[in-house]
C-alpha atoms as a PDB file:
ATOM      1  CA  MET A   1     -29.209  -5.055 -10.828  1.00  0.00           C
ATOM      2  CA  PHE A   2     -28.308  -5.218  -7.138  1.00  0.00           C
ATOM      3  CA  GLU A   3     -31.200  -7.526  -6.315  1.00  0.00           C
ATOM      4  CA  LYS A   4     -29.477 -10.393  -8.118  1.00  0.00           C
ATOM      5  CA  GLU A   5     -25.890  -9.603  -7.153  1.00  0.00           C
ATOM      6  CA  TYR A   6     -24.473 -12.728  -5.520  1.00  0.00           C
ATOM      7  CA  LEU A   7     -21.314 -12.618  -3.441  1.00  0.00           C
ATOM      8  CA  GLU A   8     -19.273 -15.406  -1.906  1.00  0.00           C
ATOM      9  CA  ILE A   9     -19.388 -15.715   1.869  1.00  0.00           C
ATOM     10  CA  TYR A  10     -16.021 -15.816   3.638  1.00  0.00           C
ATOM     11  CA  ASP A  11     -15.179 -16.686   7.236  1.00  0.00           C
ATOM     12  CA  SER A  12     -13.762 -14.061   9.601  1.00  0.00           C
ATOM     13  CA  TYR A  13     -10.215 -15.135   8.680  1.00  0.00           C
ATOM     14  CA  GLY A  14     -10.683 -14.474   4.964  1.00  0.00           C
ATOM     15  CA  ASN A  15     -11.192 -18.071   3.872  1.00  0.00           C
ATOM     16  CA  ARG A  16     -13.727 -18.950   1.171  1.00  0.00           C
ATOM     17  CA  THR A  17     -16.736 -20.963   2.276  1.00  0.00           C
ATOM     18  CA  GLY A  18     -17.980 -21.854  -1.214  1.00  0.00           C
ATOM     19  CA  LYS A  19     -21.407 -20.505  -0.225  1.00  0.00           C
ATOM     20  CA  LYS A  20     -23.112 -17.566  -1.868  1.00  0.00           C
ATOM     21  CA  ALA A  21     -25.808 -15.105  -0.903  1.00  0.00           C
ATOM     22  CA  LEU A  22     -27.395 -11.965  -2.272  1.00  0.00           C
ATOM     23  CA  LYS A  23     -25.403  -8.827  -1.473  1.00  0.00           C
ATOM     24  CA  SER A  24     -28.396  -7.413   0.412  1.00  0.00           C
ATOM     25  CA  ILE A  25     -28.534 -10.507   2.670  1.00  0.00           C
ATOM     26  CA  ILE A  26     -24.766 -10.445   3.239  1.00  0.00           C
ATOM     27  CA  HIS A  27     -24.957  -6.819   4.381  1.00  0.00           C
ATOM     28  CA  LYS A  28     -28.072  -7.403   6.494  1.00  0.00           C
ATOM     29  CA  ARG A  29     -26.495 -10.378   8.307  1.00  0.00           C
ATOM     30  CA  GLY A  30     -22.970  -8.916   8.498  1.00  0.00           C
ATOM     31  CA  LEU A  31     -21.406 -11.825   6.620  1.00  0.00           C
ATOM     32  CA  TYR A  32     -17.811 -11.520   5.468  1.00  0.00           C
ATOM     33  CA  HIS A  33     -17.173 -11.021   1.760  1.00  0.00           C
ATOM     34  CA  THR A  34     -14.498  -9.613  -0.534  1.00  0.00           C
ATOM     35  CA  THR A  35     -14.051  -6.358  -2.421  1.00  0.00           C
ATOM     36  CA  ILE A  36     -11.427  -4.853  -4.658  1.00  0.00           C
ATOM     37  CA  HIS A  37      -9.849  -1.456  -4.130  1.00  0.00           C
ATOM     38  CA  LEU A  38      -7.717   0.275  -6.723  1.00  0.00           C
ATOM     39  CA  TRP A  39      -5.765   3.442  -6.064  1.00  0.00           C
ATOM     40  CA  ILE A  40      -4.891   5.231  -9.298  1.00  0.00           C
ATOM     41  CA  TYR A  41      -2.010   7.686  -9.161  1.00  0.00           C
ATOM     42  CA  THR A  42       0.026   9.767 -11.601  1.00  0.00           C
ATOM     43  CA  LYS A  43       3.771   9.905 -12.153  1.00  0.00           C
ATOM     44  CA  LYS A  44       3.800  13.155 -10.148  1.00  0.00           C
ATOM     45  CA  GLY A  45       2.101  11.387  -7.229  1.00  0.00           C
ATOM     46  CA  ASP A  46      -1.391  12.826  -7.539  1.00  0.00           C
ATOM     47  CA  VAL A  47      -4.057  10.358  -6.418  1.00  0.00           C
ATOM     48  CA  LEU A  48      -7.450   9.917  -8.072  1.00  0.00           C
ATOM     49  CA  ILE A  49     -10.363   9.921  -5.647  1.00  0.00           C
ATOM     50  CA  GLN A  50     -14.053   9.515  -6.371  1.00  0.00           C
ATOM     51  CA  LYS A  51     -17.101  11.097  -4.792  1.00  0.00           C
ATOM     52  CA  ARG A  52     -19.698   8.399  -4.242  1.00  0.00           C
ATOM     53  CA  SER A  53     -23.125   9.125  -5.702  1.00  0.00           C
ATOM     54  CA  LEU A  54     -25.687  10.638  -3.380  1.00  0.00           C
ATOM     55  CA  ASN A  55     -27.905   7.708  -4.434  1.00  0.00           C
ATOM     56  CA  LYS A  56     -25.591   5.123  -2.807  1.00  0.00           C
ATOM     57  CA  ILE A  57     -26.938   3.357   0.287  1.00  0.00           C
ATOM     58  CA  LEU A  58     -23.551   3.288   2.030  1.00  0.00           C
ATOM     59  CA  ASN A  59     -21.560   6.505   2.440  1.00  0.00           C
ATOM     60  CA  PRO A  60     -23.371   8.680  -0.110  1.00  0.00           C
ATOM     61  CA  GLY A  61     -21.472  11.808  -1.147  1.00  0.00           C
ATOM     62  CA  VAL A  62     -18.213  10.690   0.467  1.00  0.00           C
ATOM     63  CA  TRP A  63     -14.839  11.032  -1.276  1.00  0.00           C
ATOM     64  CA  ASP A  64     -12.668   7.911  -1.142  1.00  0.00           C
ATOM     65  CA  VAL A  65     -10.611   5.332  -3.038  1.00  0.00           C
ATOM     66  CA  SER A  66     -10.283   5.664  -6.839  1.00  0.00           C
ATOM     67  CA  VAL A  67     -12.210   2.412  -7.419  1.00  0.00           C
ATOM     68  CA  ALA A  68     -13.968   0.034  -5.041  1.00  0.00           C
ATOM     69  CA  GLY A  69     -16.420  -2.754  -5.648  1.00  0.00           C
ATOM     70  CA  HIS A  70     -17.692  -6.141  -4.662  1.00  0.00           C
ATOM     71  CA  ILE A  71     -16.306  -9.326  -6.121  1.00  0.00           C
ATOM     72  CA  HIS A  72     -19.178 -11.374  -7.501  1.00  0.00           C
ATOM     73  CA  PHE A  73     -19.559 -15.071  -6.763  1.00  0.00           C
ATOM     74  CA  ASN A  74     -17.115 -17.060  -8.951  1.00  0.00           C
ATOM     75  CA  GLU A  75     -15.449 -13.857 -10.228  1.00  0.00           C
ATOM     76  CA  SER A  76     -11.678 -13.437  -9.967  1.00  0.00           C
ATOM     77  CA  TYR A  77     -10.145 -10.459  -8.153  1.00  0.00           C
ATOM     78  CA  ILE A  78      -8.609  -9.203 -11.391  1.00  0.00           C
ATOM     79  CA  ASP A  79     -11.843  -9.557 -13.376  1.00  0.00           C
ATOM     80  CA  ALA A  80     -13.672  -7.601 -10.652  1.00  0.00           C
ATOM     81  CA  LEU A  81     -10.931  -4.964 -10.671  1.00  0.00           C
ATOM     82  CA  VAL A  82     -11.136  -4.507 -14.448  1.00  0.00           C
ATOM     83  CA  ARG A  83     -14.975  -4.408 -14.371  1.00  0.00           C
ATOM     84  CA  GLU A  84     -15.214  -1.957 -11.476  1.00  0.00           C
ATOM     85  CA  THR A  85     -12.499   0.341 -12.854  1.00  0.00           C
ATOM     86  CA  LEU A  86     -14.333   0.643 -16.158  1.00  0.00           C
ATOM     87  CA  GLU A  87     -17.695   1.141 -14.380  1.00  0.00           C
ATOM     88  CA  GLU A  88     -16.456   3.780 -11.923  1.00  0.00           C
ATOM     89  CA  THR A  89     -13.859   5.707 -13.961  1.00  0.00           C
ATOM     90  CA  GLY A  90     -14.375   4.759 -17.607  1.00  0.00           C
ATOM     91  CA  ILE A  91     -10.753   3.552 -17.690  1.00  0.00           C
ATOM     92  CA  ALA A  92      -9.766   0.231 -19.275  1.00  0.00           C
ATOM     93  CA  ILE A  93      -6.674  -0.709 -17.276  1.00  0.00           C
ATOM     94  CA  ASN A  94      -3.671  -2.755 -18.337  1.00  0.00           C
ATOM     95  CA  ILE A  95      -3.519  -5.483 -15.686  1.00  0.00           C
ATOM     96  CA  THR A  96       0.221  -5.994 -16.207  1.00  0.00           C
ATOM     97  CA  LYS A  97       0.749  -2.543 -14.617  1.00  0.00           C
ATOM     98  CA  LEU A  98      -1.061  -3.449 -11.378  1.00  0.00           C
ATOM     99  CA  SER A  99       0.738  -3.821  -8.059  1.00  0.00           C
ATOM    100  CA  LYS A 100      -1.045  -5.664  -5.261  1.00  0.00           C
ATOM    101  CA  LEU A 101      -0.658  -3.881  -1.954  1.00  0.00           C
ATOM    102  CA  GLY A 102      -2.386  -6.438   0.250  1.00  0.00           C
ATOM    103  CA  VAL A 103      -5.639  -7.574   1.807  1.00  0.00           C
ATOM    104  CA  TYR A 104      -7.210  -5.464   4.548  1.00  0.00           C
ATOM    105  CA  LYS A 105     -10.014  -6.511   6.883  1.00  0.00           C
ATOM    106  CA  SER A 106     -12.728  -3.917   7.439  1.00  0.00           C
ATOM    107  CA  SER A 107     -15.876  -3.846   9.573  1.00  0.00           C
ATOM    108  CA  THR A 108     -18.301  -0.941   9.505  1.00  0.00           C
ATOM    109  CA  LYS A 109     -21.918  -0.457  10.527  1.00  0.00           C
ATOM    110  CA  SER A 110     -24.345   1.987   8.962  1.00  0.00           C
ATOM    111  CA  GLY A 111     -27.967   1.770  10.042  1.00  0.00           C
ATOM    112  CA  GLU A 112     -29.215  -1.752   9.285  1.00  0.00           C
ATOM    113  CA  ILE A 113     -26.091  -2.630   7.287  1.00  0.00           C
ATOM    114  CA  THR A 114     -23.074  -4.399   8.763  1.00  0.00           C
ATOM    115  CA  ASP A 115     -20.307  -4.387   6.179  1.00  0.00           C
ATOM    116  CA  ASN A 116     -17.624  -6.989   6.938  1.00  0.00           C
ATOM    117  CA  GLU A 117     -15.153  -7.048   4.084  1.00  0.00           C
ATOM    118  CA  PHE A 118     -11.711  -8.085   2.985  1.00  0.00           C
ATOM    119  CA  HIS A 119     -10.366  -5.377   0.624  1.00  0.00           C
ATOM    120  CA  HIS A 120      -8.004  -6.805  -1.998  1.00  0.00           C
ATOM    121  CA  THR A 121      -6.063  -3.614  -2.613  1.00  0.00           C
ATOM    122  CA  TYR A 122      -4.054  -2.647  -5.691  1.00  0.00           C
ATOM    123  CA  ILE A 123      -2.341   0.447  -7.060  1.00  0.00           C
ATOM    124  CA  ILE A 124      -1.639   1.522 -10.638  1.00  0.00           C
ATOM    125  CA  GLN A 125       0.131   4.480 -12.200  1.00  0.00           C
ATOM    126  CA  LEU A 126      -1.616   6.167 -15.128  1.00  0.00           C
ATOM    127  CA  GLY A 127      -0.865   9.239 -17.182  1.00  0.00           C
ATOM    128  CA  LYS A 128      -3.228  12.171 -16.596  1.00  0.00           C
ATOM    129  CA  LYS A 129      -4.327  11.922 -20.231  1.00  0.00           C
ATOM    130  CA  TYR A 130      -6.027   8.592 -19.432  1.00  0.00           C
ATOM    131  CA  ILE A 131      -8.078  10.053 -16.574  1.00  0.00           C
ATOM    132  CA  ASP A 132     -11.345  11.789 -17.475  1.00  0.00           C
ATOM    133  CA  LEU A 133     -12.160  13.976 -14.483  1.00  0.00           C
ATOM    134  CA  ASN A 134     -15.563  14.723 -16.035  1.00  0.00           C
ATOM    135  CA  PHE A 135     -16.606  11.048 -15.839  1.00  0.00           C
ATOM    136  CA  LYS A 136     -19.706  10.359 -13.767  1.00  0.00           C
ATOM    137  CA  ASN A 137     -22.502   7.819 -13.654  1.00  0.00           C
ATOM    138  CA  GLN A 138     -25.115   6.410 -11.239  1.00  0.00           C
ATOM    139  CA  GLU A 139     -22.347   5.284  -8.830  1.00  0.00           C
ATOM    140  CA  VAL A 140     -19.887   8.180  -9.073  1.00  0.00           C
ATOM    141  CA  ASP A 141     -20.749  11.887  -8.850  1.00  0.00           C
ATOM    142  CA  GLU A 142     -17.256  13.260  -9.360  1.00  0.00           C
ATOM    143  CA  LEU A 143     -13.585  12.384  -9.813  1.00  0.00           C
ATOM    144  CA  LYS A 144     -10.611  14.527  -8.825  1.00  0.00           C
ATOM    145  CA  LEU A 145      -6.871  14.318  -8.358  1.00  0.00           C
ATOM    146  CA  ILE A 146      -5.304  15.305  -5.066  1.00  0.00           C
ATOM    147  CA  SER A 147      -1.679  15.413  -3.980  1.00  0.00           C
ATOM    148  CA  LEU A 148      -0.302  12.912  -1.494  1.00  0.00           C
ATOM    149  CA  ASN A 149       0.207  15.815   0.930  1.00  0.00           C
ATOM    150  CA  GLU A 150      -3.459  16.781   0.608  1.00  0.00           C
ATOM    151  CA  MET A 151      -4.444  13.143   1.162  1.00  0.00           C
ATOM    152  CA  LYS A 152      -2.288  12.979   4.314  1.00  0.00           C
ATOM    153  CA  SER A 153      -3.820  16.218   5.590  1.00  0.00           C
ATOM    154  CA  LEU A 154      -7.394  15.027   4.949  1.00  0.00           C
ATOM    155  CA  LEU A 155      -6.683  11.759   6.757  1.00  0.00           C
ATOM    156  CA  LYS A 156      -4.941  13.464   9.676  1.00  0.00           C
ATOM    157  CA  ASN A 157      -7.696  16.007  10.156  1.00  0.00           C
ATOM    158  CA  SER A 158     -10.464  13.428   9.603  1.00  0.00           C
ATOM    159  CA  LYS A 159     -12.440  15.744   7.365  1.00  0.00           C
ATOM    160  CA  LYS A 160     -16.072  14.760   7.171  1.00  0.00           C
ATOM    161  CA  ASN A 161     -17.012  13.366   3.761  1.00  0.00           C
ATOM    162  CA  PHE A 162     -13.444  12.228   3.022  1.00  0.00           C
ATOM    163  CA  PHE A 163     -12.170   8.673   3.311  1.00  0.00           C
ATOM    164  CA  ILE A 164     -14.595   6.079   4.562  1.00  0.00           C
ATOM    165  CA  GLY A 165     -12.304   3.626   6.312  1.00  0.00           C
ATOM    166  CA  ILE A 166     -10.868   3.868   9.763  1.00  0.00           C
ATOM    167  CA  ASN A 167      -7.974   1.474   9.212  1.00  0.00           C
ATOM    168  CA  LYS A 168      -4.997   3.824   9.537  1.00  0.00           C
ATOM    169  CA  LYS A 169      -2.549   1.100   8.463  1.00  0.00           C
ATOM    170  CA  TYR A 170      -4.458   0.704   5.200  1.00  0.00           C
ATOM    171  CA  TYR A 171      -4.117   4.383   4.269  1.00  0.00           C
ATOM    172  CA  LYS A 172      -0.526   4.539   5.558  1.00  0.00           C
ATOM    173  CA  ASP A 173       0.393   1.584   3.330  1.00  0.00           C
ATOM    174  CA  VAL A 174      -1.306   3.186   0.300  1.00  0.00           C
ATOM    175  CA  ILE A 175       0.506   6.499   0.803  1.00  0.00           C
ATOM    176  CA  GLU A 176       3.879   4.861   1.482  1.00  0.00           C
ATOM    177  CA  GLU A 177       3.701   2.621  -1.592  1.00  0.00           C
ATOM    178  CA  ILE A 178       2.612   5.425  -3.931  1.00  0.00           C
ATOM    179  CA  THR A 179       5.349   7.635  -2.470  1.00  0.00           C
ATOM    180  CA  ARG A 180       7.925   4.878  -3.000  1.00  0.00           C
ATOM    181  CA  LYS A 181       6.797   4.299  -6.586  1.00  0.00           C
ATOM    182  CA  THR A 182       6.718   8.013  -7.506  1.00  0.00           C
ATOM    183  CA  ILE A 183      10.152   8.724  -6.021  1.00  0.00           C
ATOM    184  CA  LYS A 184      11.524   6.217  -8.553  1.00  0.00           C
ATOM    185  CA  ASN A 185      10.201   8.484 -11.310  1.00  0.00           C
ATOM    186  CA  TYR A 186      12.502  11.386 -10.421  1.00  0.00           C
END
Protein backbone atom coordinates (compact mmCIF):
# COMPACT_ATOMS: atom_id res chain seq x y z
CA MET A 1 0.00 0.00 0.00
CA PHE A 2 2.65 2.53 1.03
CA GLU A 3 4.84 1.78 -1.98
CA LYS A 4 2.34 3.49 -4.27
CA GLU A 5 1.27 6.31 -1.95
CA TYR A 6 1.85 9.56 -3.83
CA LEU A 7 1.94 12.89 -2.04
CA GLU A 8 2.11 16.42 -3.40
CA ILE A 9 5.37 18.28 -2.88
CA TYR A 10 5.08 21.72 -1.26
CA ASP A 11 7.67 24.47 -0.91
CA SER A 12 8.98 25.50 2.52
CA TYR A 13 6.30 28.21 2.73
CA GLY A 14 3.41 25.78 2.31
CA ASN A 15 2.68 26.48 -1.35
CA ARG A 16 1.72 23.66 -3.72
CA THR A 17 4.21 22.83 -6.44
CA GLY A 18 1.89 20.61 -8.50
CA LYS A 19 4.57 17.90 -8.41
CA LYS A 20 4.14 14.51 -6.81
CA ALA A 21 6.43 11.84 -5.45
CA LEU A 22 6.17 8.58 -3.56
CA LYS A 23 5.85 9.06 0.20
CA SER A 24 9.06 7.07 0.72
CA ILE A 25 10.99 9.44 -1.60
CA ILE A 26 9.48 12.53 0.05
CA HIS A 27 10.61 11.31 3.47
CA LYS A 28 14.04 10.23 2.21
CA ARG A 29 14.69 13.63 0.57
CA GLY A 30 13.01 15.72 3.29
CA LEU A 31 10.54 17.30 0.88
CA TYR A 32 7.66 19.32 2.29
CA HIS A 33 4.19 17.80 2.16
CA THR A 34 0.85 18.08 3.94
CA THR A 35 -0.92 16.05 6.61
CA ILE A 36 -4.18 16.28 8.47
CA HIS A 37 -4.50 16.20 12.24
CA LEU A 38 -7.80 15.79 14.04
CA TRP A 39 -8.22 16.16 17.78
CA ILE A 40 -11.39 14.46 18.99
CA TYR A 41 -12.75 15.60 22.34
CA THR A 42 -15.86 15.03 24.45
CA LYS A 43 -18.31 17.52 25.90
CA LYS A 44 -16.56 17.05 29.27
CA GLY A 45 -13.22 17.97 27.68
CA ASP A 46 -11.61 14.54 27.54
CA VAL A 47 -9.29 14.17 24.54
CA LEU A 48 -8.91 11.02 22.46
CA ILE A 49 -5.31 9.99 21.87
CA GLN A 50 -3.97 7.04 19.91
CA LYS A 51 -0.99 4.79 20.49
CA ARG A 52 0.80 4.31 17.19
CA SER A 53 1.39 0.70 16.19
CA LEU A 54 4.75 -0.80 17.06
CA ASN A 55 4.97 -1.66 13.34
CA LYS A 56 5.08 2.02 12.29
CA ILE A 57 8.38 3.29 10.88
CA LEU A 58 8.06 6.71 12.53
CA ASN A 59 7.42 6.96 16.27
CA PRO A 60 6.25 3.40 16.94
CA GLY A 61 4.43 2.93 20.24
CA VAL A 62 4.05 6.66 20.87
CA TRP A 63 0.79 8.22 22.10
CA ASP A 64 -0.30 11.32 20.18
CA VAL A 65 -3.05 13.11 18.26
CA SER A 66 -6.44 11.38 17.83
CA VAL A 67 -5.97 11.11 14.05
CA ALA A 68 -3.07 11.99 11.77
CA GLY A 69 -2.34 11.10 8.19
CA HIS A 70 -0.89 12.13 4.88
CA ILE A 71 -2.92 13.90 2.25
CA HIS A 72 -2.61 11.99 -1.00
CA PHE A 73 -1.85 13.72 -4.29
CA ASN A 74 -5.04 15.40 -5.61
CA GLU A 75 -6.94 14.61 -2.38
CA SER A 76 -8.71 17.38 -0.48
CA TYR A 77 -7.93 18.08 3.18
CA ILE A 78 -11.46 17.12 4.18
CA ASP A 79 -11.44 13.88 2.16
CA ALA A 80 -8.13 12.94 3.81
CA LEU A 81 -9.54 13.81 7.23
CA VAL A 82 -12.63 11.64 6.71
CA ARG A 83 -10.53 8.74 5.32
CA GLU A 84 -7.90 8.85 8.07
CA THR A 85 -10.47 9.21 10.87
CA LEU A 86 -12.29 6.10 9.69
CA GLU A 87 -8.99 4.20 9.22
CA GLU A 88 -7.52 5.13 12.61
CA THR A 89 -10.58 5.24 14.89
CA GLY A 90 -13.42 3.53 13.03
CA ILE A 91 -15.43 6.76 13.34
CA ALA A 92 -17.36 8.23 10.40
CA ILE A 93 -17.32 11.94 11.21
CA ASN A 94 -19.85 14.61 10.31
CA ILE A 95 -17.73 17.22 8.53
CA THR A 96 -20.16 20.02 9.41
CA LYS A 97 -19.03 19.64 13.05
CA LEU A 98 -15.34 20.24 12.26
CA SER A 99 -13.49 23.35 13.37
CA LYS A 100 -10.21 24.18 11.65
CA LEU A 101 -7.57 25.26 14.13
CA GLY A 102 -4.84 26.16 11.67
CA VAL A 103 -1.81 24.97 9.73
CA TYR A 104 1.38 24.16 11.62
CA LYS A 105 4.83 23.63 10.12
CA SER A 106 6.78 20.69 11.50
CA SER A 107 10.26 19.32 10.82
CA THR A 108 11.54 16.15 12.46
CA LYS A 109 14.34 13.70 11.71
CA SER A 110 14.34 10.02 12.60
CA GLY A 111 17.17 7.91 11.24
CA GLU A 112 17.12 8.18 7.44
CA ILE A 113 13.76 9.97 7.42
CA THR A 114 13.38 13.75 7.34
CA ASP A 115 9.72 14.59 7.85
CA ASN A 116 8.90 18.14 6.74
CA GLU A 117 5.17 18.66 7.01
CA PHE A 118 2.39 21.19 7.18
CA HIS A 119 -0.27 19.85 9.60
CA HIS A 120 -3.77 21.01 8.65
CA THR A 121 -5.26 20.75 12.12
CA TYR A 122 -8.92 20.35 13.08
CA ILE A 123 -10.93 19.60 16.21
CA ILE A 124 -14.32 17.93 16.64
CA GLN A 125 -16.52 17.19 19.63
CA LEU A 126 -18.05 13.71 19.80
CA GLY A 127 -20.13 11.91 22.38
CA LYS A 128 -18.33 9.10 24.21
CA LYS A 129 -20.83 6.63 22.75
CA TYR A 130 -19.32 7.23 19.29
CA ILE A 131 -15.78 6.40 20.44
CA ASP A 132 -14.78 2.73 20.52
CA LEU A 133 -11.77 2.57 22.83
CA ASN A 134 -11.27 -1.08 21.82
CA PHE A 135 -10.62 -0.12 18.18
CA LYS A 136 -7.24 -1.15 16.82
CA ASN A 137 -5.71 -2.07 13.49
CA GLN A 138 -2.30 -2.25 11.75
CA GLU A 139 -1.75 1.50 12.36
CA VAL A 140 -3.20 1.94 15.85
CA ASP A 141 -2.48 -0.26 18.87
CA GLU A 142 -4.74 1.51 21.35
CA LEU A 143 -7.09 4.45 21.89
CA LYS A 144 -7.78 6.21 25.18
CA LEU A 145 -9.37 9.35 26.55
CA ILE A 146 -7.39 11.67 28.78
CA SER A 147 -8.39 14.87 30.53
CA LEU A 148 -7.06 18.23 29.38
CA ASN A 149 -5.22 18.48 32.72
CA GLU A 150 -3.53 15.12 32.08
CA MET A 151 -2.61 16.28 28.57
CA LYS A 152 -1.08 19.49 29.97
CA SER A 153 0.88 17.50 32.55
CA LEU A 154 2.20 15.03 29.96
CA LEU A 155 3.30 17.90 27.71
CA LYS A 156 4.88 19.85 30.57
CA ASN A 157 6.80 16.87 31.88
CA SER A 158 7.75 15.67 28.37
CA LYS A 159 6.94 12.07 29.17
CA LYS A 160 8.68 9.68 26.84
CA ASN A 161 6.26 7.95 24.46
CA PHE A 162 3.72 10.80 24.67
CA PHE A 163 3.22 13.49 22.05
CA ILE A 164 5.52 13.43 19.07
CA GLY A 165 5.75 17.09 18.16
CA ILE A 166 7.92 19.73 19.70
CA ASN A 167 5.87 22.72 18.57
CA LYS A 168 4.61 24.06 21.90
CA LYS A 169 2.36 26.61 20.17
CA TYR A 170 0.59 23.78 18.35
CA TYR A 171 -0.31 21.94 21.56
CA LYS A 172 -1.11 25.20 23.39
CA ASP A 173 -3.55 26.15 20.61
CA VAL A 174 -5.19 22.69 20.70
CA ILE A 175 -5.66 22.81 24.48
CA GLU A 176 -6.90 26.42 24.48
CA GLU A 177 -9.45 25.81 21.72
CA ILE A 178 -10.81 22.61 23.28
CA THR A 179 -10.98 24.38 26.65
CA ARG A 180 -12.84 27.31 25.07
CA LYS A 181 -15.30 24.99 23.31
CA THR A 182 -15.96 22.83 26.40
CA ILE A 183 -16.51 25.81 28.70
CA LYS A 184 -19.43 26.75 26.43
CA ASN A 185 -21.03 23.41 27.32
CA TYR A 186 -21.44 24.27 31.01
